[in-house]
PDB file of N, CA and C in Angstrom:
ATOM      1  N   MET A   1      -3.736   9.363 -26.823  1.00  0.00           N
ATOM      2  CA  MET A   1      -3.292   8.066 -26.358  1.00  0.00           C
ATOM      3  C   MET A   1      -2.237   8.215 -25.268  1.00  0.00           C
ATOM      4  N   MET A   2      -1.338   9.207 -25.398  1.00  0.00           N
ATOM      5  CA  MET A   2      -0.283   9.382 -24.407  1.00  0.00           C
ATOM      6  C   MET A   2      -0.850   9.776 -23.050  1.00  0.00           C
ATOM      7  N   VAL A   3      -1.941  10.549 -23.055  1.00  0.00           N
ATOM      8  CA  VAL A   3      -2.563  10.937 -21.799  1.00  0.00           C
ATOM      9  C   VAL A   3      -3.106   9.696 -21.102  1.00  0.00           C
ATOM     10  N   THR A   4      -3.703   8.791 -21.869  1.00  0.00           N
ATOM     11  CA  THR A   4      -4.224   7.545 -21.312  1.00  0.00           C
ATOM     12  C   THR A   4      -3.103   6.708 -20.721  1.00  0.00           C
ATOM     13  N   ILE A   5      -2.004   6.610 -21.407  1.00  0.00           N
ATOM     14  CA  ILE A   5      -0.865   5.836 -20.900  1.00  0.00           C
ATOM     15  C   ILE A   5      -0.358   6.445 -19.605  1.00  0.00           C
ATOM     16  N   ASP A   6      -0.242   7.751 -19.551  1.00  0.00           N
ATOM     17  CA  ASP A   6       0.206   8.422 -18.331  1.00  0.00           C
ATOM     18  C   ASP A   6      -0.764   8.158 -17.190  1.00  0.00           C
ATOM     19  N   TRP A   7      -2.063   8.260 -17.467  1.00  0.00           N
ATOM     20  CA  TRP A   7      -3.080   8.057 -16.442  1.00  0.00           C
ATOM     21  C   TRP A   7      -3.050   6.616 -15.912  1.00  0.00           C
ATOM     22  N   VAL A   8      -2.975   5.637 -16.799  1.00  0.00           N
ATOM     23  CA  VAL A   8      -2.946   4.240 -16.378  1.00  0.00           C
ATOM     24  C   VAL A   8      -1.650   3.947 -15.624  1.00  0.00           C
ATOM     25  N   ALA A   9      -0.533   4.491 -16.094  1.00  0.00           N
ATOM     26  CA  ALA A   9       0.741   4.282 -15.410  1.00  0.00           C
ATOM     27  C   ALA A   9       0.691   4.839 -13.992  1.00  0.00           C
ATOM     28  N   ARG A  10       0.107   6.020 -13.834  1.00  0.00           N
ATOM     29  CA  ARG A  10      -0.016   6.590 -12.484  1.00  0.00           C
ATOM     30  C   ARG A  10      -0.922   5.735 -11.612  1.00  0.00           C
ATOM     31  N   ARG A  11      -2.003   5.258 -12.170  1.00  0.00           N
ATOM     32  CA  ARG A  11      -2.928   4.413 -11.397  1.00  0.00           C
ATOM     33  C   ARG A  11      -2.239   3.151 -10.899  1.00  0.00           C
ATOM     34  N   TYR A  12      -1.409   2.560 -11.748  1.00  0.00           N
ATOM     35  CA  TYR A  12      -0.717   1.322 -11.374  1.00  0.00           C
ATOM     36  C   TYR A  12       0.613   1.571 -10.672  1.00  0.00           C
ATOM     37  N   GLY A  13       1.049   2.825 -10.631  1.00  0.00           N
ATOM     38  CA  GLY A  13       2.291   3.143  -9.941  1.00  0.00           C
ATOM     39  C   GLY A  13       3.530   2.662 -10.669  1.00  0.00           C
ATOM     40  N   VAL A  14       3.493   2.732 -12.008  1.00  0.00           N
ATOM     41  CA  VAL A  14       4.661   2.343 -12.808  1.00  0.00           C
ATOM     42  C   VAL A  14       5.019   3.487 -13.748  1.00  0.00           C
ATOM     43  N   LEU A  15       6.216   3.431 -14.267  1.00  0.00           N
ATOM     44  CA  LEU A  15       6.618   4.424 -15.263  1.00  0.00           C
ATOM     45  C   LEU A  15       5.899   4.158 -16.578  1.00  0.00           C
ATOM     46  N   PRO A  16       5.584   5.220 -17.321  1.00  0.00           N
ATOM     47  CA  PRO A  16       4.930   5.016 -18.612  1.00  0.00           C
ATOM     48  C   PRO A  16       5.738   4.101 -19.541  1.00  0.00           C
ATOM     49  N   SER A  17       7.056   4.203 -19.512  1.00  0.00           N
ATOM     50  CA  SER A  17       7.879   3.338 -20.364  1.00  0.00           C
ATOM     51  C   SER A  17       7.691   1.867 -19.990  1.00  0.00           C
ATOM     52  N   HIS A  18       7.524   1.583 -18.701  1.00  0.00           N
ATOM     53  CA  HIS A  18       7.274   0.205 -18.265  1.00  0.00           C
ATOM     54  C   HIS A  18       5.911  -0.261 -18.765  1.00  0.00           C
ATOM     55  N   LEU A  19       4.914   0.602 -18.667  1.00  0.00           N
ATOM     56  CA  LEU A  19       3.579   0.251 -19.144  1.00  0.00           C
ATOM     57  C   LEU A  19       3.588  -0.012 -20.644  1.00  0.00           C
ATOM     58  N   ILE A  20       4.296   0.818 -21.398  1.00  0.00           N
ATOM     59  CA  ILE A  20       4.364   0.619 -22.850  1.00  0.00           C
ATOM     60  C   ILE A  20       5.039  -0.711 -23.172  1.00  0.00           C
ATOM     61  N   ARG A  21       6.086  -1.024 -22.420  1.00  0.00           N
ATOM     62  CA  ARG A  21       6.848  -2.256 -22.674  1.00  0.00           C
ATOM     63  C   ARG A  21       6.098  -3.501 -22.204  1.00  0.00           C
ATOM     64  N   GLU A  22       5.495  -3.436 -21.020  1.00  0.00           N
ATOM     65  CA  GLU A  22       4.902  -4.623 -20.402  1.00  0.00           C
ATOM     66  C   GLU A  22       3.371  -4.640 -20.429  1.00  0.00           C
ATOM     67  N   GLY A  23       2.757  -3.497 -20.667  1.00  0.00           N
ATOM     68  CA  GLY A  23       1.303  -3.394 -20.546  1.00  0.00           C
ATOM     69  C   GLY A  23       0.550  -3.978 -21.717  1.00  0.00           C
ATOM     70  N   ASP A  24      -0.755  -3.969 -21.546  1.00  0.00           N
ATOM     71  CA  ASP A  24      -1.653  -4.513 -22.557  1.00  0.00           C
ATOM     72  C   ASP A  24      -2.890  -3.614 -22.604  1.00  0.00           C
ATOM     73  N   SER A  25      -3.680  -3.730 -23.645  1.00  0.00           N
ATOM     74  CA  SER A  25      -4.887  -2.911 -23.730  1.00  0.00           C
ATOM     75  C   SER A  25      -5.869  -3.264 -22.618  1.00  0.00           C
ATOM     76  N   ILE A  26      -5.809  -4.472 -22.097  1.00  0.00           N
ATOM     77  CA  ILE A  26      -6.683  -4.860 -20.991  1.00  0.00           C
ATOM     78  C   ILE A  26      -6.397  -4.012 -19.756  1.00  0.00           C
ATOM     79  N   ASP A  27      -5.154  -3.563 -19.598  1.00  0.00           N
ATOM     80  CA  ASP A  27      -4.815  -2.698 -18.465  1.00  0.00           C
ATOM     81  C   ASP A  27      -5.602  -1.396 -18.531  1.00  0.00           C
ATOM     82  N   ILE A  28      -5.743  -0.841 -19.720  1.00  0.00           N
ATOM     83  CA  ILE A  28      -6.497   0.402 -19.898  1.00  0.00           C
ATOM     84  C   ILE A  28      -7.976   0.160 -19.603  1.00  0.00           C
ATOM     85  N   ILE A  29      -8.503  -0.942 -20.086  1.00  0.00           N
ATOM     86  CA  ILE A  29      -9.913  -1.266 -19.869  1.00  0.00           C
ATOM     87  C   ILE A  29     -10.189  -1.448 -18.374  1.00  0.00           C
ATOM     88  N   LEU A  30      -9.332  -2.199 -17.700  1.00  0.00           N
ATOM     89  CA  LEU A  30      -9.544  -2.452 -16.271  1.00  0.00           C
ATOM     90  C   LEU A  30      -9.347  -1.193 -15.433  1.00  0.00           C
ATOM     91  N   ALA A  31      -8.386  -0.357 -15.797  1.00  0.00           N
ATOM     92  CA  ALA A  31      -8.185   0.894 -15.069  1.00  0.00           C
ATOM     93  C   ALA A  31      -9.413   1.784 -15.209  1.00  0.00           C
ATOM     94  N   ASN A  32      -9.968   1.853 -16.404  1.00  0.00           N
ATOM     95  CA  ASN A  32     -11.176   2.653 -16.642  1.00  0.00           C
ATOM     96  C   ASN A  32     -12.357   2.089 -15.860  1.00  0.00           C
ATOM     97  N   LEU A  33     -12.503   0.775 -15.859  1.00  0.00           N
ATOM     98  CA  LEU A  33     -13.573   0.139 -15.104  1.00  0.00           C
ATOM     99  C   LEU A  33     -13.425   0.420 -13.610  1.00  0.00           C
ATOM    100  N   GLY A  34     -12.200   0.353 -13.118  1.00  0.00           N
ATOM    101  CA  GLY A  34     -11.949   0.616 -11.708  1.00  0.00           C
ATOM    102  C   GLY A  34     -12.311   2.035 -11.311  1.00  0.00           C
ATOM    103  N   VAL A  35     -11.949   2.995 -12.138  1.00  0.00           N
ATOM    104  CA  VAL A  35     -12.268   4.396 -11.847  1.00  0.00           C
ATOM    105  C   VAL A  35     -13.770   4.631 -11.908  1.00  0.00           C
ATOM    106  N   THR A  36     -14.426   4.026 -12.876  1.00  0.00           N
ATOM    107  CA  THR A  36     -15.875   4.165 -12.986  1.00  0.00           C
ATOM    108  C   THR A  36     -16.559   3.629 -11.732  1.00  0.00           C
ATOM    109  N   TYR A  37     -16.105   2.487 -11.238  1.00  0.00           N
ATOM    110  CA  TYR A  37     -16.687   1.899 -10.033  1.00  0.00           C
ATOM    111  C   TYR A  37     -16.389   2.756  -8.801  1.00  0.00           C
ATOM    112  N   GLU A  38     -15.183   3.275  -8.707  1.00  0.00           N
ATOM    113  CA  GLU A  38     -14.840   4.172  -7.596  1.00  0.00           C
ATOM    114  C   GLU A  38     -15.734   5.405  -7.595  1.00  0.00           C
ATOM    115  N   ASN A  39     -15.947   5.993  -8.780  1.00  0.00           N
ATOM    116  CA  ASN A  39     -16.818   7.164  -8.891  1.00  0.00           C
ATOM    117  C   ASN A  39     -18.244   6.825  -8.457  1.00  0.00           C
ATOM    118  N   TYR A  40     -18.727   5.655  -8.858  1.00  0.00           N
ATOM    119  CA  TYR A  40     -20.064   5.213  -8.457  1.00  0.00           C
ATOM    120  C   TYR A  40     -20.162   5.116  -6.935  1.00  0.00           C
ATOM    121  N   LEU A  41     -19.165   4.488  -6.311  1.00  0.00           N
ATOM    122  CA  LEU A  41     -19.183   4.349  -4.859  1.00  0.00           C
ATOM    123  C   LEU A  41     -19.118   5.705  -4.165  1.00  0.00           C
ATOM    124  N   ASN A  42     -18.310   6.625  -4.707  1.00  0.00           N
ATOM    125  CA  ASN A  42     -18.228   7.967  -4.122  1.00  0.00           C
ATOM    126  C   ASN A  42     -19.557   8.707  -4.239  1.00  0.00           C
ATOM    127  N   GLU A  43     -20.202   8.614  -5.398  1.00  0.00           N
ATOM    128  CA  GLU A  43     -21.501   9.264  -5.580  1.00  0.00           C
ATOM    129  C   GLU A  43     -22.548   8.653  -4.651  1.00  0.00           C
ATOM    130  N   LYS A  44     -22.495   7.340  -4.485  1.00  0.00           N
ATOM    131  CA  LYS A  44     -23.435   6.665  -3.598  1.00  0.00           C
ATOM    132  C   LYS A  44     -23.230   7.132  -2.154  1.00  0.00           C
ATOM    133  N   ALA A  45     -21.982   7.238  -1.734  1.00  0.00           N
ATOM    134  CA  ALA A  45     -21.694   7.709  -0.377  1.00  0.00           C
ATOM    135  C   ALA A  45     -22.122   9.161  -0.204  1.00  0.00           C
ATOM    136  N   ASP A  46     -21.865   9.993  -1.218  1.00  0.00           N
ATOM    137  CA  ASP A  46     -22.279  11.394  -1.147  1.00  0.00           C
ATOM    138  C   ASP A  46     -23.797  11.522  -1.045  1.00  0.00           C
ATOM    139  N   SER A  47     -24.517  10.720  -1.811  1.00  0.00           N
ATOM    140  CA  SER A  47     -25.972  10.805  -1.776  1.00  0.00           C
ATOM    141  C   SER A  47     -26.505  10.334  -0.423  1.00  0.00           C
ATOM    142  N   LYS A  48     -25.848   9.361   0.186  1.00  0.00           N
ATOM    143  CA  LYS A  48     -26.276   8.914   1.517  1.00  0.00           C
ATOM    144  C   LYS A  48     -26.029  10.000   2.552  1.00  0.00           C
ATOM    145  N   ASN A  49     -24.931  10.742   2.405  1.00  0.00           N
ATOM    146  CA  ASN A  49     -24.645  11.825   3.339  1.00  0.00           C
ATOM    147  C   ASN A  49     -25.660  12.950   3.211  1.00  0.00           C
ATOM    148  N   LYS A  50     -26.119  13.219   1.991  1.00  0.00           N
ATOM    149  CA  LYS A  50     -27.049  14.316   1.768  1.00  0.00           C
ATOM    150  C   LYS A  50     -28.476  13.927   2.133  1.00  0.00           C
ATOM    151  N   ASN A  51     -28.853  12.699   1.835  1.00  0.00           N
ATOM    152  CA  ASN A  51     -30.210  12.231   2.091  1.00  0.00           C
ATOM    153  C   ASN A  51     -30.127  10.758   2.456  1.00  0.00           C
ATOM    154  N   LYS A  52     -30.342  10.439   3.687  1.00  0.00           N
ATOM    155  CA  LYS A  52     -30.130   9.078   4.183  1.00  0.00           C
ATOM    156  C   LYS A  52     -31.106   8.076   3.591  1.00  0.00           C
ATOM    157  N   ASN A  53     -32.137   8.522   2.896  1.00  0.00           N
ATOM    158  CA  ASN A  53     -33.108   7.609   2.299  1.00  0.00           C
ATOM    159  C   ASN A  53     -32.662   7.081   0.942  1.00  0.00           C
ATOM    160  N   LEU A  54     -31.626   7.643   0.354  1.00  0.00           N
ATOM    161  CA  LEU A  54     -31.190   7.234  -0.973  1.00  0.00           C
ATOM    162  C   LEU A  54     -30.165   6.116  -0.888  1.00  0.00           C
ATOM    163  N   ASP A  55     -30.392   5.056  -1.648  1.00  0.00           N
ATOM    164  CA  ASP A  55     -29.411   3.974  -1.743  1.00  0.00           C
ATOM    165  C   ASP A  55     -28.560   4.095  -2.990  1.00  0.00           C
ATOM    166  N   LYS A  56     -29.051   4.851  -3.958  1.00  0.00           N
ATOM    167  CA  LYS A  56     -28.337   4.994  -5.225  1.00  0.00           C
ATOM    168  C   LYS A  56     -27.991   6.459  -5.436  1.00  0.00           C
ATOM    169  N   PRO A  57     -26.961   6.724  -6.243  1.00  0.00           N
ATOM    170  CA  PRO A  57     -26.667   8.125  -6.560  1.00  0.00           C
ATOM    171  C   PRO A  57     -27.828   8.756  -7.341  1.00  0.00           C
ATOM    172  N   VAL A  58     -27.979  10.030  -7.188  1.00  0.00           N
ATOM    173  CA  VAL A  58     -29.023  10.741  -7.909  1.00  0.00           C
ATOM    174  C   VAL A  58     -28.676  10.744  -9.393  1.00  0.00           C
ATOM    175  N   PRO A  59     -29.612  10.341 -10.251  1.00  0.00           N
ATOM    176  CA  PRO A  59     -29.312  10.328 -11.682  1.00  0.00           C
ATOM    177  C   PRO A  59     -29.088  11.740 -12.220  1.00  0.00           C
ATOM    178  N   LYS A  60     -28.246  11.840 -13.214  1.00  0.00           N
ATOM    179  CA  LYS A  60     -27.958  13.139 -13.833  1.00  0.00           C
ATOM    180  C   LYS A  60     -28.881  13.297 -15.039  1.00  0.00           C
ATOM    181  N   LEU A  61     -29.989  13.986 -14.821  1.00  0.00           N
ATOM    182  CA  LEU A  61     -30.975  14.205 -15.876  1.00  0.00           C
ATOM    183  C   LEU A  61     -30.980  15.671 -16.266  1.00  0.00           C
ATOM    184  N   SER A  62     -31.264  15.901 -17.543  1.00  0.00           N
ATOM    185  CA  SER A  62     -31.391  17.286 -17.993  1.00  0.00           C
ATOM    186  C   SER A  62     -32.753  17.814 -17.552  1.00  0.00           C
ATOM    187  N   GLU A  63     -32.895  19.128 -17.583  1.00  0.00           N
ATOM    188  CA  GLU A  63     -34.168  19.744 -17.212  1.00  0.00           C
ATOM    189  C   GLU A  63     -35.280  19.267 -18.145  1.00  0.00           C
ATOM    190  N   GLU A  64     -34.932  19.116 -19.414  1.00  0.00           N
ATOM    191  CA  GLU A  64     -35.911  18.661 -20.400  1.00  0.00           C
ATOM    192  C   GLU A  64     -36.401  17.244 -20.071  1.00  0.00           C
ATOM    193  N   GLU A  65     -35.484  16.354 -19.700  1.00  0.00           N
ATOM    194  CA  GLU A  65     -35.869  14.992 -19.339  1.00  0.00           C
ATOM    195  C   GLU A  65     -36.773  14.976 -18.107  1.00  0.00           C
ATOM    196  N   MET A  66     -36.450  15.812 -17.124  1.00  0.00           N
ATOM    197  CA  MET A  66     -37.255  15.860 -15.911  1.00  0.00           C
ATOM    198  C   MET A  66     -38.655  16.402 -16.211  1.00  0.00           C
ATOM    199  N   LEU A  67     -38.751  17.427 -17.068  1.00  0.00           N
ATOM    200  CA  LEU A  67     -40.063  17.977 -17.423  1.00  0.00           C
ATOM    201  C   LEU A  67     -40.925  16.937 -18.139  1.00  0.00           C
ATOM    202  N   LYS A  68     -40.313  16.146 -19.021  1.00  0.00           N
ATOM    203  CA  LYS A  68     -41.049  15.082 -19.710  1.00  0.00           C
ATOM    204  C   LYS A  68     -41.578  14.061 -18.703  1.00  0.00           C
ATOM    205  N   MET A  69     -40.781  13.744 -17.697  1.00  0.00           N
ATOM    206  CA  MET A  69     -41.205  12.791 -16.685  1.00  0.00           C
ATOM    207  C   MET A  69     -42.373  13.341 -15.872  1.00  0.00           C
ATOM    208  N   VAL A  70     -42.302  14.617 -15.494  1.00  0.00           N
ATOM    209  CA  VAL A  70     -43.378  15.250 -14.734  1.00  0.00           C
ATOM    210  C   VAL A  70     -44.650  15.274 -15.571  1.00  0.00           C
ATOM    211  N   GLN A  71     -44.539  15.622 -16.843  1.00  0.00           N
ATOM    212  CA  GLN A  71     -45.716  15.663 -17.720  1.00  0.00           C
ATOM    213  C   GLN A  71     -46.331  14.273 -17.871  1.00  0.00           C
ATOM    214  N   ALA A  72     -45.500  13.242 -17.947  1.00  0.00           N
ATOM    215  CA  ALA A  72     -46.018  11.876 -18.065  1.00  0.00           C
ATOM    216  C   ALA A  72     -46.787  11.475 -16.817  1.00  0.00           C
ATOM    217  N   VAL A  73     -46.281  11.836 -15.654  1.00  0.00           N
ATOM    218  CA  VAL A  73     -46.977  11.529 -14.407  1.00  0.00           C
ATOM    219  C   VAL A  73     -48.283  12.295 -14.319  1.00  0.00           C
ATOM    220  N   ARG A  74     -48.252  13.570 -14.680  1.00  0.00           N
ATOM    221  CA  ARG A  74     -49.476  14.390 -14.628  1.00  0.00           C
ATOM    222  C   ARG A  74     -50.534  13.872 -15.581  1.00  0.00           C
ATOM    223  N   SER A  75     -50.133  13.434 -16.751  1.00  0.00           N
ATOM    224  CA  SER A  75     -51.118  12.917 -17.720  1.00  0.00           C
ATOM    225  C   SER A  75     -51.723  11.602 -17.209  1.00  0.00           C
ATOM    226  N   LYS A  76     -50.954  10.783 -16.511  1.00  0.00           N
ATOM    227  CA  LYS A  76     -51.492   9.551 -15.929  1.00  0.00           C
ATOM    228  C   LYS A  76     -52.460   9.872 -14.798  1.00  0.00           C
ATOM    229  N   GLU A  77     -52.160  10.900 -13.992  1.00  0.00           N
ATOM    230  CA  GLU A  77     -53.052  11.290 -12.898  1.00  0.00           C
ATOM    231  C   GLU A  77     -54.381  11.774 -13.457  1.00  0.00           C
ATOM    232  N   ASN A  78     -54.350  12.519 -14.570  1.00  0.00           N
ATOM    233  CA  ASN A  78     -55.581  13.032 -15.168  1.00  0.00           C
ATOM    234  C   ASN A  78     -56.419  11.911 -15.731  1.00  0.00           C
ATOM    235  N   VAL A  79     -55.799  10.860 -16.262  1.00  0.00           N
ATOM    236  CA  VAL A  79     -56.536   9.735 -16.807  1.00  0.00           C
ATOM    237  C   VAL A  79     -57.194   8.928 -15.693  1.00  0.00           C
ATOM    238  N   ASN A  80     -56.515   8.782 -14.570  1.00  0.00           N
ATOM    239  CA  ASN A  80     -57.019   7.996 -13.441  1.00  0.00           C
ATOM    240  C   ASN A  80     -58.069   8.747 -12.615  1.00  0.00           C
ATOM    241  N   SER A  81     -58.185  10.057 -12.774  1.00  0.00           N
ATOM    242  CA  SER A  81     -59.133  10.859 -11.972  1.00  0.00           C
ATOM    243  C   SER A  81     -60.542  10.681 -12.441  1.00  0.00           C
TER     244      SER A  81
END
């Protein structure tokens, strides 16, 4: 919990003691939401720099998930042939 208070206090530019005295749990929720959105925008910008055709960040899939997707596509191609 103390790490969260320190992180939120730094984000808002206040001392942790001020956050403890004046803050609310909504501050933690909004700070987390803000960071999540910033990360999304950064990933989106990075993906545009790497491949100009992408509008969204590349999803983080495991190798197993990707193999299942490839197998599903291949099985559909075999049915349609």
